[in-house]
Amino acid sequence: MALLDEIYERGEVVTPKGEVLKVHSGISREEGEFIYNLIRNDRRISRTLEVGCAYGLSSLNICAALKGRNGAKHIILDPFQNTQWQSVGISNLRREGLSWFELVEERSEFALPRLAAERESQFDFVFIDGWHTFDHTMIDCFYATRLLGIGGYLVIDDANFPSIARVIRYLENYPCYQRHGSVKIASANDISSLVALQKRTEDLRPWNWYADF
């Protein structure tokens, strides 16, 4: 997309009021391409969700990849989109004519349990890029596991953060998950900045299941 190219080249975004801001948060170009290609190459994906929008770089890749899919719908959870982020993410989606999204301005720890109660196993792709503490990321991933159907993908950003890397180590013990791929940090090829897991079976762990991580 021309808009994404412009953002990455200039390192800037424009608010709906015309103010130019330096980009200080968002996925890399390589991470965006990974997400776009994952969704575009799996025709089954039409119902997606992300935690954290910010300037909309991940949202642009997700929604662009969904273009032309029957029943395509992307849900964005971002309680600060119209305050801290000055509506830039949503504005960027509209500038690109990507209209198959819904913004939920609510904290994920409140919105995800409600979604799981209403739409368990109904999502094909969930992207986690929210609050980066261990416990908050674990809560997001716990409900993402409930929301994903078999064959769905859980993609987690900032996998190089110690807190998030530890969550991923725990999730990779789940019998239902298999690593699908990752994006490596160029300066450290053994460290991933983004990890994708695929839910291959139902999560049927017994009530007392535990695996060290």
N, C-alpha and C. Protein backbone atom coordinates (compact mmCIF):
# COMPACT_ATOMS: atom_id res chain seq x y z
N MET A 1 0.83 -1.19 0.00
CA MET A 1 0.00 0.00 0.00
C MET A 1 0.87 1.24 0.00
N ALA A 2 0.46 2.22 -0.78
CA ALA A 2 1.23 3.46 -0.87
C ALA A 2 1.32 4.16 0.49
N LEU A 3 0.23 4.12 1.26
CA LEU A 3 0.23 4.79 2.56
C LEU A 3 1.24 4.15 3.50
N LEU A 4 1.28 2.82 3.55
CA LEU A 4 2.24 2.14 4.41
C LEU A 4 3.67 2.47 3.98
N ASP A 5 3.93 2.44 2.68
CA ASP A 5 5.26 2.78 2.19
C ASP A 5 5.66 4.18 2.64
N GLU A 6 4.71 5.09 2.54
CA GLU A 6 4.98 6.48 2.93
C GLU A 6 5.29 6.58 4.42
N ILE A 7 4.53 5.87 5.24
CA ILE A 7 4.75 5.92 6.68
C ILE A 7 6.13 5.37 7.04
N TYR A 8 6.47 4.22 6.45
CA TYR A 8 7.76 3.60 6.77
C TYR A 8 8.93 4.43 6.25
N GLU A 9 8.78 5.04 5.09
CA GLU A 9 9.87 5.83 4.52
C GLU A 9 10.10 7.12 5.29
N ARG A 10 9.01 7.78 5.69
CA ARG A 10 9.14 9.06 6.37
C ARG A 10 9.21 8.93 7.89
N GLY A 11 8.70 7.81 8.41
CA GLY A 11 8.65 7.66 9.86
C GLY A 11 7.67 8.62 10.50
N GLU A 12 6.63 8.97 9.73
CA GLU A 12 5.64 9.94 10.21
C GLU A 12 4.23 9.50 9.85
N VAL A 13 3.27 9.97 10.65
CA VAL A 13 1.85 9.80 10.35
C VAL A 13 1.18 11.15 10.48
N VAL A 14 -0.03 11.23 9.92
CA VAL A 14 -0.78 12.49 9.96
C VAL A 14 -2.10 12.26 10.67
N THR A 15 -2.41 13.12 11.63
CA THR A 15 -3.67 13.02 12.35
C THR A 15 -4.82 13.51 11.47
N PRO A 16 -6.08 13.20 11.83
CA PRO A 16 -7.21 13.71 11.06
C PRO A 16 -7.25 15.25 11.00
N LYS A 17 -6.57 15.90 11.96
CA LYS A 17 -6.52 17.37 11.96
C LYS A 17 -5.35 17.92 11.15
N GLY A 18 -4.56 17.01 10.56
CA GLY A 18 -3.45 17.46 9.72
C GLY A 18 -2.13 17.62 10.45
N GLU A 19 -2.06 17.25 11.72
CA GLU A 19 -0.82 17.36 12.47
C GLU A 19 0.10 16.19 12.13
N VAL A 20 1.36 16.46 11.90
CA VAL A 20 2.34 15.42 11.57
C VAL A 20 3.00 14.93 12.85
N LEU A 21 3.01 13.61 13.04
CA LEU A 21 3.59 13.01 14.24
C LEU A 21 4.68 12.02 13.85
N LYS A 22 5.73 11.96 14.65
CA LYS A 22 6.75 10.95 14.47
C LYS A 22 6.22 9.60 14.96
N VAL A 23 6.48 8.55 14.20
CA VAL A 23 6.05 7.21 14.59
C VAL A 23 7.00 6.67 15.66
N HIS A 24 6.45 6.39 16.82
CA HIS A 24 7.27 5.85 17.91
C HIS A 24 6.76 4.49 18.38
N SER A 25 5.72 3.98 17.70
CA SER A 25 5.18 2.69 18.08
C SER A 25 4.54 2.05 16.86
N GLY A 26 4.76 0.76 16.69
CA GLY A 26 4.15 0.07 15.55
C GLY A 26 5.01 -1.09 15.09
N ILE A 27 4.41 -1.99 14.35
CA ILE A 27 5.14 -3.14 13.84
C ILE A 27 6.09 -2.71 12.72
N SER A 28 7.12 -3.50 12.50
CA SER A 28 8.07 -3.21 11.43
C SER A 28 7.48 -3.59 10.08
N ARG A 29 8.13 -3.14 9.03
CA ARG A 29 7.68 -3.49 7.68
C ARG A 29 7.71 -5.01 7.49
N GLU A 30 8.75 -5.67 8.01
CA GLU A 30 8.88 -7.12 7.87
C GLU A 30 7.77 -7.85 8.62
N GLU A 31 7.44 -7.35 9.80
CA GLU A 31 6.34 -7.95 10.57
C GLU A 31 5.01 -7.76 9.85
N GLY A 32 4.82 -6.58 9.28
CA GLY A 32 3.59 -6.32 8.53
C GLY A 32 3.45 -7.23 7.33
N GLU A 33 4.54 -7.45 6.62
CA GLU A 33 4.51 -8.35 5.47
C GLU A 33 4.23 -9.78 5.89
N PHE A 34 4.78 -10.18 7.02
CA PHE A 34 4.51 -11.53 7.54
C PHE A 34 3.02 -11.71 7.82
N ILE A 35 2.43 -10.74 8.51
CA ILE A 35 1.00 -10.80 8.84
C ILE A 35 0.15 -10.80 7.57
N TYR A 36 0.47 -9.88 6.66
CA TYR A 36 -0.29 -9.78 5.41
C TYR A 36 -0.24 -11.11 4.65
N ASN A 37 0.94 -11.67 4.50
CA ASN A 37 1.09 -12.90 3.72
C ASN A 37 0.43 -14.09 4.40
N LEU A 38 0.51 -14.15 5.73
CA LEU A 38 -0.14 -15.24 6.45
C LEU A 38 -1.64 -15.25 6.16
N ILE A 39 -2.26 -14.08 6.28
CA ILE A 39 -3.72 -13.99 6.05
C ILE A 39 -4.05 -14.18 4.58
N ARG A 40 -3.28 -13.55 3.72
CA ARG A 40 -3.58 -13.62 2.29
C ARG A 40 -3.44 -15.03 1.75
N ASN A 41 -2.50 -15.80 2.30
CA ASN A 41 -2.23 -17.14 1.79
C ASN A 41 -3.15 -18.21 2.38
N ASP A 42 -3.93 -17.86 3.37
CA ASP A 42 -4.89 -18.82 3.96
C ASP A 42 -6.30 -18.29 3.69
N ARG A 43 -6.93 -18.81 2.68
CA ARG A 43 -8.23 -18.30 2.24
C ARG A 43 -9.34 -18.53 3.26
N ARG A 44 -9.07 -19.35 4.26
CA ARG A 44 -10.10 -19.60 5.28
C ARG A 44 -10.27 -18.42 6.23
N ILE A 45 -9.28 -17.55 6.28
CA ILE A 45 -9.30 -16.46 7.27
C ILE A 45 -10.22 -15.34 6.80
N SER A 46 -11.23 -15.04 7.62
CA SER A 46 -12.11 -13.91 7.33
C SER A 46 -12.50 -13.14 8.59
N ARG A 47 -12.37 -13.78 9.75
CA ARG A 47 -12.77 -13.14 11.02
C ARG A 47 -11.52 -12.94 11.86
N THR A 48 -11.13 -11.69 12.04
CA THR A 48 -9.87 -11.38 12.70
C THR A 48 -10.08 -10.40 13.84
N LEU A 49 -9.07 -10.35 14.72
CA LEU A 49 -9.15 -9.48 15.89
C LEU A 49 -7.74 -9.07 16.26
N GLU A 50 -7.61 -7.84 16.74
CA GLU A 50 -6.30 -7.44 17.27
C GLU A 50 -6.47 -6.64 18.55
N VAL A 51 -5.49 -6.78 19.42
CA VAL A 51 -5.42 -6.02 20.66
C VAL A 51 -4.31 -4.99 20.48
N GLY A 52 -4.69 -3.72 20.40
CA GLY A 52 -3.73 -2.65 20.18
C GLY A 52 -3.69 -2.22 18.74
N CYS A 53 -3.98 -0.96 18.48
CA CYS A 53 -4.01 -0.44 17.11
C CYS A 53 -2.96 0.65 16.91
N ALA A 54 -2.88 1.58 17.85
CA ALA A 54 -1.93 2.70 17.78
C ALA A 54 -2.09 3.47 16.46
N TYR A 55 -1.04 3.52 15.64
CA TYR A 55 -1.09 4.26 14.39
C TYR A 55 -1.67 3.44 13.24
N GLY A 56 -2.06 2.19 13.52
CA GLY A 56 -2.78 1.40 12.53
C GLY A 56 -1.93 0.60 11.56
N LEU A 57 -0.64 0.43 11.83
CA LEU A 57 0.21 -0.30 10.89
C LEU A 57 -0.20 -1.76 10.78
N SER A 58 -0.46 -2.39 11.91
CA SER A 58 -0.93 -3.78 11.86
C SER A 58 -2.34 -3.86 11.29
N SER A 59 -3.18 -2.91 11.66
CA SER A 59 -4.57 -2.90 11.16
C SER A 59 -4.61 -2.77 9.65
N LEU A 60 -3.74 -1.94 9.09
CA LEU A 60 -3.69 -1.76 7.64
C LEU A 60 -3.33 -3.07 6.95
N ASN A 61 -2.33 -3.77 7.48
CA ASN A 61 -1.93 -5.04 6.88
C ASN A 61 -3.02 -6.09 6.99
N ILE A 62 -3.67 -6.17 8.14
CA ILE A 62 -4.72 -7.17 8.34
C ILE A 62 -5.90 -6.89 7.43
N CYS A 63 -6.38 -5.66 7.44
CA CYS A 63 -7.57 -5.33 6.64
C CYS A 63 -7.29 -5.42 5.15
N ALA A 64 -6.10 -5.03 4.73
CA ALA A 64 -5.76 -5.14 3.31
C ALA A 64 -5.72 -6.60 2.87
N ALA A 65 -5.21 -7.47 3.74
CA ALA A 65 -5.14 -8.89 3.41
C ALA A 65 -6.53 -9.52 3.33
N LEU A 66 -7.49 -8.95 4.05
CA LEU A 66 -8.87 -9.47 4.05
C LEU A 66 -9.68 -9.01 2.85
N LYS A 67 -9.15 -8.09 2.09
CA LYS A 67 -9.90 -7.49 0.99
C LYS A 67 -10.43 -8.56 0.04
N GLY A 68 -11.74 -8.50 -0.23
CA GLY A 68 -12.37 -9.44 -1.14
C GLY A 68 -12.85 -10.72 -0.50
N ARG A 69 -12.61 -10.92 0.80
CA ARG A 69 -13.05 -12.13 1.48
C ARG A 69 -14.53 -12.01 1.86
N ASN A 70 -15.29 -13.05 1.60
CA ASN A 70 -16.70 -13.07 1.99
C ASN A 70 -16.81 -13.03 3.52
N GLY A 71 -17.63 -12.13 4.02
CA GLY A 71 -17.85 -12.03 5.45
C GLY A 71 -16.69 -11.48 6.24
N ALA A 72 -15.76 -10.82 5.57
CA ALA A 72 -14.58 -10.30 6.26
C ALA A 72 -14.97 -9.28 7.32
N LYS A 73 -14.40 -9.44 8.52
CA LYS A 73 -14.67 -8.50 9.61
C LYS A 73 -13.47 -8.51 10.55
N HIS A 74 -12.96 -7.33 10.82
CA HIS A 74 -11.81 -7.18 11.72
C HIS A 74 -12.25 -6.36 12.93
N ILE A 75 -12.01 -6.89 14.12
CA ILE A 75 -12.33 -6.18 15.36
C ILE A 75 -11.04 -5.67 15.97
N ILE A 76 -11.03 -4.39 16.32
CA ILE A 76 -9.87 -3.73 16.92
C ILE A 76 -10.20 -3.33 18.35
N LEU A 77 -9.41 -3.82 19.30
CA LEU A 77 -9.57 -3.40 20.69
C LEU A 77 -8.47 -2.39 21.01
N ASP A 78 -8.85 -1.16 21.25
CA ASP A 78 -7.88 -0.11 21.58
C ASP A 78 -8.59 0.98 22.38
N PRO A 79 -8.44 0.98 23.70
CA PRO A 79 -9.15 1.96 24.52
C PRO A 79 -8.63 3.38 24.37
N PHE A 80 -7.47 3.54 23.74
CA PHE A 80 -6.84 4.85 23.65
C PHE A 80 -6.76 5.39 22.22
N GLN A 81 -7.49 4.78 21.29
CA GLN A 81 -7.36 5.17 19.88
C GLN A 81 -7.73 6.64 19.66
N ASN A 82 -8.79 7.11 20.27
CA ASN A 82 -9.23 8.48 20.04
C ASN A 82 -8.68 9.48 21.05
N THR A 83 -7.82 8.98 21.95
CA THR A 83 -7.19 9.89 22.93
C THR A 83 -5.69 9.91 22.69
N GLN A 84 -4.98 8.95 23.26
CA GLN A 84 -3.52 8.91 23.13
C GLN A 84 -3.05 8.87 21.68
N TRP A 85 -3.76 8.11 20.83
CA TRP A 85 -3.32 7.93 19.45
C TRP A 85 -4.01 8.88 18.47
N GLN A 86 -4.85 9.77 18.96
CA GLN A 86 -5.47 10.85 18.18
C GLN A 86 -6.19 10.35 16.92
N SER A 87 -6.75 9.15 16.99
CA SER A 87 -7.54 8.55 15.91
C SER A 87 -6.74 8.26 14.64
N VAL A 88 -5.42 8.25 14.75
CA VAL A 88 -4.58 8.08 13.57
C VAL A 88 -4.80 6.71 12.92
N GLY A 89 -4.85 5.64 13.74
CA GLY A 89 -5.01 4.30 13.19
C GLY A 89 -6.28 4.15 12.37
N ILE A 90 -7.39 4.60 12.94
CA ILE A 90 -8.67 4.49 12.25
C ILE A 90 -8.71 5.40 11.03
N SER A 91 -8.10 6.57 11.15
CA SER A 91 -8.04 7.49 10.02
C SER A 91 -7.26 6.87 8.86
N ASN A 92 -6.17 6.18 9.17
CA ASN A 92 -5.37 5.54 8.12
C ASN A 92 -6.17 4.45 7.39
N LEU A 93 -6.94 3.67 8.14
CA LEU A 93 -7.77 2.65 7.51
C LEU A 93 -8.79 3.29 6.56
N ARG A 94 -9.40 4.37 6.99
CA ARG A 94 -10.39 5.05 6.15
C ARG A 94 -9.75 5.67 4.92
N ARG A 95 -8.55 6.19 5.07
CA ARG A 95 -7.84 6.78 3.93
C ARG A 95 -7.59 5.73 2.84
N GLU A 96 -7.39 4.49 3.26
CA GLU A 96 -7.14 3.40 2.32
C GLU A 96 -8.42 2.73 1.83
N GLY A 97 -9.58 3.21 2.29
CA GLY A 97 -10.85 2.64 1.87
C GLY A 97 -11.11 1.27 2.45
N LEU A 98 -10.51 0.98 3.59
CA LEU A 98 -10.69 -0.32 4.26
C LEU A 98 -11.77 -0.15 5.33
N SER A 99 -12.96 -0.64 5.06
CA SER A 99 -14.12 -0.33 5.90
C SER A 99 -14.63 -1.52 6.72
N TRP A 100 -14.03 -2.70 6.55
CA TRP A 100 -14.57 -3.91 7.20
C TRP A 100 -13.94 -4.12 8.58
N PHE A 101 -14.02 -3.08 9.40
CA PHE A 101 -13.47 -3.17 10.75
C PHE A 101 -14.46 -2.55 11.74
N GLU A 102 -14.27 -2.94 12.99
CA GLU A 102 -15.05 -2.36 14.10
C GLU A 102 -14.07 -2.01 15.21
N LEU A 103 -14.12 -0.77 15.67
CA LEU A 103 -13.28 -0.33 16.77
C LEU A 103 -14.04 -0.48 18.08
N VAL A 104 -13.43 -1.16 19.04
CA VAL A 104 -13.99 -1.30 20.39
C VAL A 104 -13.03 -0.58 21.33
N GLU A 105 -13.46 0.57 21.83
CA GLU A 105 -12.60 1.36 22.72
C GLU A 105 -12.82 0.94 24.16
N GLU A 106 -12.27 -0.22 24.46
CA GLU A 106 -12.41 -0.82 25.77
C GLU A 106 -11.16 -1.62 26.06
N ARG A 107 -10.77 -1.67 27.31
CA ARG A 107 -9.59 -2.43 27.69
C ARG A 107 -9.81 -3.92 27.40
N SER A 108 -8.75 -4.57 26.94
CA SER A 108 -8.88 -5.96 26.50
C SER A 108 -9.29 -6.89 27.62
N GLU A 109 -8.87 -6.60 28.87
CA GLU A 109 -9.23 -7.49 29.97
C GLU A 109 -10.72 -7.47 30.27
N PHE A 110 -11.43 -6.47 29.76
CA PHE A 110 -12.88 -6.42 29.91
C PHE A 110 -13.60 -6.88 28.64
N ALA A 111 -13.07 -6.49 27.49
CA ALA A 111 -13.73 -6.81 26.22
C ALA A 111 -13.56 -8.27 25.82
N LEU A 112 -12.39 -8.85 26.04
CA LEU A 112 -12.14 -10.21 25.58
C LEU A 112 -13.01 -11.26 26.27
N PRO A 113 -13.23 -11.19 27.60
CA PRO A 113 -14.13 -12.17 28.21
C PRO A 113 -15.54 -12.12 27.64
N ARG A 114 -16.03 -10.92 27.34
CA ARG A 114 -17.36 -10.80 26.75
C ARG A 114 -17.39 -11.41 25.35
N LEU A 115 -16.37 -11.12 24.55
CA LEU A 115 -16.30 -11.69 23.22
C LEU A 115 -16.21 -13.21 23.28
N ALA A 116 -15.43 -13.73 24.23
CA ALA A 116 -15.28 -15.18 24.35
C ALA A 116 -16.61 -15.84 24.72
N ALA A 117 -17.39 -15.17 25.55
CA ALA A 117 -18.69 -15.71 25.94
C ALA A 117 -19.66 -15.71 24.76
N GLU A 118 -19.54 -14.72 23.90
CA GLU A 118 -20.47 -14.57 22.78
C GLU A 118 -20.01 -15.28 21.52
N ARG A 119 -18.69 -15.36 21.30
CA ARG A 119 -18.17 -15.82 20.00
C ARG A 119 -17.00 -16.79 20.16
N GLU A 120 -17.12 -17.70 21.09
CA GLU A 120 -16.06 -18.68 21.31
C GLU A 120 -15.81 -19.49 20.04
N SER A 121 -14.53 -19.67 19.71
CA SER A 121 -14.07 -20.48 18.56
C SER A 121 -14.50 -19.92 17.21
N GLN A 122 -14.84 -18.64 17.13
CA GLN A 122 -15.35 -18.08 15.88
C GLN A 122 -14.34 -17.22 15.12
N PHE A 123 -13.13 -17.07 15.66
CA PHE A 123 -12.14 -16.22 14.99
C PHE A 123 -11.08 -17.08 14.31
N ASP A 124 -10.52 -16.52 13.23
CA ASP A 124 -9.50 -17.23 12.45
C ASP A 124 -8.09 -16.71 12.71
N PHE A 125 -8.01 -15.52 13.28
CA PHE A 125 -6.71 -14.86 13.44
C PHE A 125 -6.83 -13.86 14.58
N VAL A 126 -5.90 -13.90 15.53
CA VAL A 126 -5.87 -12.92 16.62
C VAL A 126 -4.44 -12.40 16.74
N PHE A 127 -4.30 -11.07 16.76
CA PHE A 127 -3.00 -10.43 16.89
C PHE A 127 -2.94 -9.73 18.24
N ILE A 128 -1.90 -10.03 19.02
CA ILE A 128 -1.74 -9.47 20.35
C ILE A 128 -0.58 -8.48 20.37
N ASP A 129 -0.91 -7.22 20.64
CA ASP A 129 0.11 -6.18 20.75
C ASP A 129 -0.41 -5.10 21.70
N GLY A 130 -0.78 -5.55 22.89
CA GLY A 130 -1.38 -4.64 23.86
C GLY A 130 -0.43 -4.28 24.98
N TRP A 131 -0.94 -4.32 26.21
CA TRP A 131 -0.13 -4.02 27.39
C TRP A 131 0.88 -5.15 27.56
N HIS A 132 2.16 -4.80 27.79
CA HIS A 132 3.23 -5.77 27.64
C HIS A 132 3.72 -6.41 28.94
N THR A 133 2.98 -6.28 30.03
CA THR A 133 3.36 -7.03 31.22
C THR A 133 3.04 -8.51 31.01
N PHE A 134 3.71 -9.37 31.77
CA PHE A 134 3.49 -10.81 31.62
C PHE A 134 2.04 -11.17 31.87
N ASP A 135 1.47 -10.69 32.98
CA ASP A 135 0.12 -11.10 33.34
C ASP A 135 -0.92 -10.59 32.36
N HIS A 136 -0.75 -9.36 31.88
CA HIS A 136 -1.74 -8.83 30.95
C HIS A 136 -1.67 -9.57 29.61
N THR A 137 -0.45 -9.82 29.14
CA THR A 137 -0.30 -10.56 27.87
C THR A 137 -0.86 -11.97 28.01
N MET A 138 -0.65 -12.58 29.17
CA MET A 138 -1.17 -13.93 29.40
C MET A 138 -2.70 -13.93 29.38
N ILE A 139 -3.31 -12.91 29.96
CA ILE A 139 -4.77 -12.80 29.93
C ILE A 139 -5.26 -12.66 28.48
N ASP A 140 -4.61 -11.79 27.72
CA ASP A 140 -4.99 -11.62 26.31
C ASP A 140 -4.89 -12.94 25.55
N CYS A 141 -3.81 -13.68 25.77
CA CYS A 141 -3.60 -14.93 25.05
C CYS A 141 -4.53 -16.03 25.54
N PHE A 142 -4.88 -16.03 26.81
CA PHE A 142 -5.83 -17.00 27.33
C PHE A 142 -7.17 -16.87 26.60
N TYR A 143 -7.66 -15.65 26.48
CA TYR A 143 -8.95 -15.45 25.81
C TYR A 143 -8.82 -15.62 24.29
N ALA A 144 -7.66 -15.27 23.75
CA ALA A 144 -7.45 -15.50 22.31
C ALA A 144 -7.57 -16.98 21.99
N THR A 145 -7.05 -17.83 22.88
CA THR A 145 -7.14 -19.27 22.67
C THR A 145 -8.59 -19.73 22.65
N ARG A 146 -9.41 -19.13 23.48
CA ARG A 146 -10.85 -19.44 23.49
C ARG A 146 -11.54 -18.94 22.22
N LEU A 147 -11.11 -17.81 21.73
CA LEU A 147 -11.76 -17.19 20.57
C LEU A 147 -11.41 -17.87 19.25
N LEU A 148 -10.23 -18.47 19.18
CA LEU A 148 -9.78 -19.07 17.92
C LEU A 148 -10.44 -20.42 17.66
N GLY A 149 -10.83 -20.63 16.41
CA GLY A 149 -11.28 -21.94 15.98
C GLY A 149 -10.08 -22.80 15.61
N ILE A 150 -10.32 -24.07 15.37
CA ILE A 150 -9.24 -24.97 14.95
C ILE A 150 -8.69 -24.48 13.60
N GLY A 151 -7.37 -24.42 13.51
CA GLY A 151 -6.72 -23.89 12.32
C GLY A 151 -6.42 -22.41 12.40
N GLY A 152 -6.95 -21.73 13.43
CA GLY A 152 -6.72 -20.30 13.58
C GLY A 152 -5.31 -19.99 14.08
N TYR A 153 -4.95 -18.72 13.95
CA TYR A 153 -3.58 -18.29 14.28
C TYR A 153 -3.59 -17.27 15.41
N LEU A 154 -2.66 -17.46 16.34
CA LEU A 154 -2.39 -16.49 17.39
C LEU A 154 -1.02 -15.89 17.10
N VAL A 155 -0.99 -14.59 16.80
CA VAL A 155 0.26 -13.91 16.46
C VAL A 155 0.56 -12.90 17.56
N ILE A 156 1.78 -12.95 18.07
CA ILE A 156 2.16 -12.14 19.23
C ILE A 156 3.36 -11.28 18.86
N ASP A 157 3.21 -9.97 19.05
CA ASP A 157 4.28 -9.04 18.72
C ASP A 157 5.21 -8.83 19.91
N ASP A 158 6.37 -8.24 19.63
CA ASP A 158 7.38 -7.94 20.65
C ASP A 158 7.78 -9.18 21.44
N ALA A 159 7.99 -10.26 20.70
CA ALA A 159 8.35 -11.54 21.31
C ALA A 159 9.72 -11.49 21.96
N ASN A 160 10.51 -10.45 21.68
CA ASN A 160 11.82 -10.29 22.29
C ASN A 160 11.76 -9.66 23.68
N PHE A 161 10.60 -9.12 24.07
CA PHE A 161 10.44 -8.62 25.43
C PHE A 161 10.49 -9.81 26.39
N PRO A 162 11.24 -9.75 27.49
CA PRO A 162 11.30 -10.89 28.41
C PRO A 162 9.93 -11.37 28.88
N SER A 163 9.04 -10.44 29.19
CA SER A 163 7.71 -10.82 29.68
C SER A 163 6.93 -11.59 28.63
N ILE A 164 7.01 -11.12 27.38
CA ILE A 164 6.24 -11.74 26.30
C ILE A 164 6.90 -13.04 25.84
N ALA A 165 8.22 -13.08 25.83
CA ALA A 165 8.91 -14.31 25.48
C ALA A 165 8.54 -15.43 26.45
N ARG A 166 8.34 -15.07 27.69
CA ARG A 166 7.97 -16.08 28.70
C ARG A 166 6.54 -16.58 28.46
N VAL A 167 5.63 -15.69 28.09
CA VAL A 167 4.27 -16.11 27.75
C VAL A 167 4.30 -17.08 26.57
N ILE A 168 5.10 -16.75 25.56
CA ILE A 168 5.18 -17.61 24.38
C ILE A 168 5.75 -18.98 24.74
N ARG A 169 6.76 -19.03 25.62
CA ARG A 169 7.31 -20.32 26.06
C ARG A 169 6.23 -21.17 26.72
N TYR A 170 5.37 -20.52 27.49
CA TYR A 170 4.29 -21.25 28.14
C TYR A 170 3.28 -21.76 27.12
N LEU A 171 2.88 -20.89 26.19
CA LEU A 171 1.89 -21.28 25.19
C LEU A 171 2.38 -22.41 24.30
N GLU A 172 3.67 -22.45 24.03
CA GLU A 172 4.20 -23.49 23.16
C GLU A 172 4.19 -24.87 23.82
N ASN A 173 3.89 -24.90 25.11
CA ASN A 173 3.66 -26.18 25.78
C ASN A 173 2.24 -26.70 25.59
N TYR A 174 1.32 -25.82 25.19
CA TYR A 174 -0.06 -26.24 25.01
C TYR A 174 -0.12 -27.32 23.92
N PRO A 175 -0.79 -28.43 24.17
CA PRO A 175 -0.90 -29.46 23.13
C PRO A 175 -1.62 -28.98 21.87
N CYS A 176 -2.45 -27.95 22.00
CA CYS A 176 -3.24 -27.50 20.84
C CYS A 176 -2.45 -26.60 19.90
N TYR A 177 -1.30 -26.07 20.35
CA TYR A 177 -0.57 -25.09 19.54
C TYR A 177 0.66 -25.69 18.87
N GLN A 178 0.95 -25.16 17.69
CA GLN A 178 2.17 -25.49 16.97
C GLN A 178 2.71 -24.20 16.38
N ARG A 179 4.02 -23.98 16.51
CA ARG A 179 4.59 -22.75 15.95
C ARG A 179 4.44 -22.77 14.43
N HIS A 180 3.91 -21.67 13.90
CA HIS A 180 3.70 -21.56 12.46
C HIS A 180 4.84 -20.81 11.77
N GLY A 181 5.42 -19.86 12.48
CA GLY A 181 6.49 -19.07 11.90
C GLY A 181 6.85 -17.91 12.81
N SER A 182 7.83 -17.13 12.39
CA SER A 182 8.26 -15.99 13.20
C SER A 182 9.01 -15.00 12.32
N VAL A 183 9.22 -13.81 12.87
CA VAL A 183 10.06 -12.80 12.24
C VAL A 183 11.26 -12.61 13.14
N LYS A 184 12.45 -12.79 12.58
CA LYS A 184 13.68 -12.67 13.35
C LYS A 184 14.16 -11.22 13.37
N ILE A 185 14.85 -10.86 14.42
CA ILE A 185 15.49 -9.55 14.51
C ILE A 185 16.77 -9.61 13.69
N ALA A 186 16.92 -8.68 12.77
CA ALA A 186 18.04 -8.72 11.83
C ALA A 186 19.40 -8.74 12.53
N SER A 187 19.51 -8.01 13.61
CA SER A 187 20.80 -7.92 14.31
C SER A 187 21.03 -9.08 15.26
N ALA A 188 20.01 -9.94 15.42
CA ALA A 188 20.13 -11.09 16.33
C ALA A 188 19.28 -12.23 15.80
N ASN A 189 19.83 -13.00 14.88
CA ASN A 189 19.05 -13.98 14.14
C ASN A 189 18.43 -15.08 14.98
N ASP A 190 18.89 -15.24 16.20
CA ASP A 190 18.32 -16.28 17.05
C ASP A 190 17.19 -15.76 17.93
N ILE A 191 16.83 -14.49 17.76
CA ILE A 191 15.77 -13.88 18.56
C ILE A 191 14.65 -13.42 17.65
N SER A 192 13.42 -13.75 18.00
CA SER A 192 12.25 -13.36 17.21
C SER A 192 11.60 -12.11 17.78
N SER A 193 11.13 -11.25 16.89
CA SER A 193 10.38 -10.07 17.32
C SER A 193 8.88 -10.33 17.25
N LEU A 194 8.48 -11.34 16.48
CA LEU A 194 7.06 -11.69 16.32
C LEU A 194 6.97 -13.20 16.12
N VAL A 195 5.98 -13.81 16.78
CA VAL A 195 5.81 -15.27 16.70
C VAL A 195 4.36 -15.58 16.38
N ALA A 196 4.16 -16.54 15.48
CA ALA A 196 2.82 -17.01 15.12
C ALA A 196 2.65 -18.46 15.55
N LEU A 197 1.57 -18.74 16.26
CA LEU A 197 1.20 -20.10 16.65
C LEU A 197 -0.09 -20.46 15.95
N GLN A 198 -0.22 -21.71 15.55
CA GLN A 198 -1.47 -22.17 14.95
C GLN A 198 -2.15 -23.14 15.90
N LYS A 199 -3.45 -22.93 16.09
CA LYS A 199 -4.25 -23.82 16.94
C LYS A 199 -4.66 -25.03 16.12
N ARG A 200 -4.03 -26.16 16.35
CA ARG A 200 -4.23 -27.34 15.51
C ARG A 200 -5.36 -28.23 15.99
N THR A 201 -5.70 -28.15 17.27
CA THR A 201 -6.78 -28.97 17.85
C THR A 201 -7.52 -28.12 18.88
N GLU A 202 -8.60 -28.65 19.39
CA GLU A 202 -9.26 -28.00 20.53
C GLU A 202 -8.32 -28.00 21.73
N ASP A 203 -8.49 -27.02 22.60
CA ASP A 203 -7.71 -26.98 23.84
C ASP A 203 -8.38 -27.89 24.86
N LEU A 204 -7.90 -29.11 24.96
CA LEU A 204 -8.52 -30.14 25.82
C LEU A 204 -7.66 -30.49 27.02
N ARG A 205 -6.86 -29.57 27.49
CA ARG A 205 -6.04 -29.83 28.67
C ARG A 205 -6.93 -30.16 29.87
N PRO A 206 -6.53 -31.13 30.69
CA PRO A 206 -7.32 -31.43 31.89
C PRO A 206 -7.22 -30.31 32.91
N TRP A 207 -8.07 -30.35 33.90
CA TRP A 207 -8.18 -29.26 34.86
C TRP A 207 -6.89 -29.02 35.64
N ASN A 208 -6.05 -30.05 35.78
CA ASN A 208 -4.83 -29.92 36.57
C ASN A 208 -3.56 -29.90 35.71
N TRP A 209 -3.72 -29.57 34.41
CA TRP A 209 -2.57 -29.57 33.49
C TRP A 209 -1.57 -28.50 33.88
N TYR A 210 -0.30 -28.86 33.76
CA TYR A 210 0.78 -27.88 33.94
C TYR A 210 2.01 -28.39 33.24
N ALA A 211 2.74 -27.49 32.59
CA ALA A 211 4.03 -27.81 32.01
C ALA A 211 4.99 -26.69 32.35
N ASP A 212 6.16 -27.04 32.82
CA ASP A 212 7.14 -26.04 33.24
C ASP A 212 7.57 -25.20 32.05
N PHE A 213 7.81 -23.91 32.30
CA PHE A 213 8.25 -23.02 31.22
C PHE A 213 9.28 -22.02 31.73
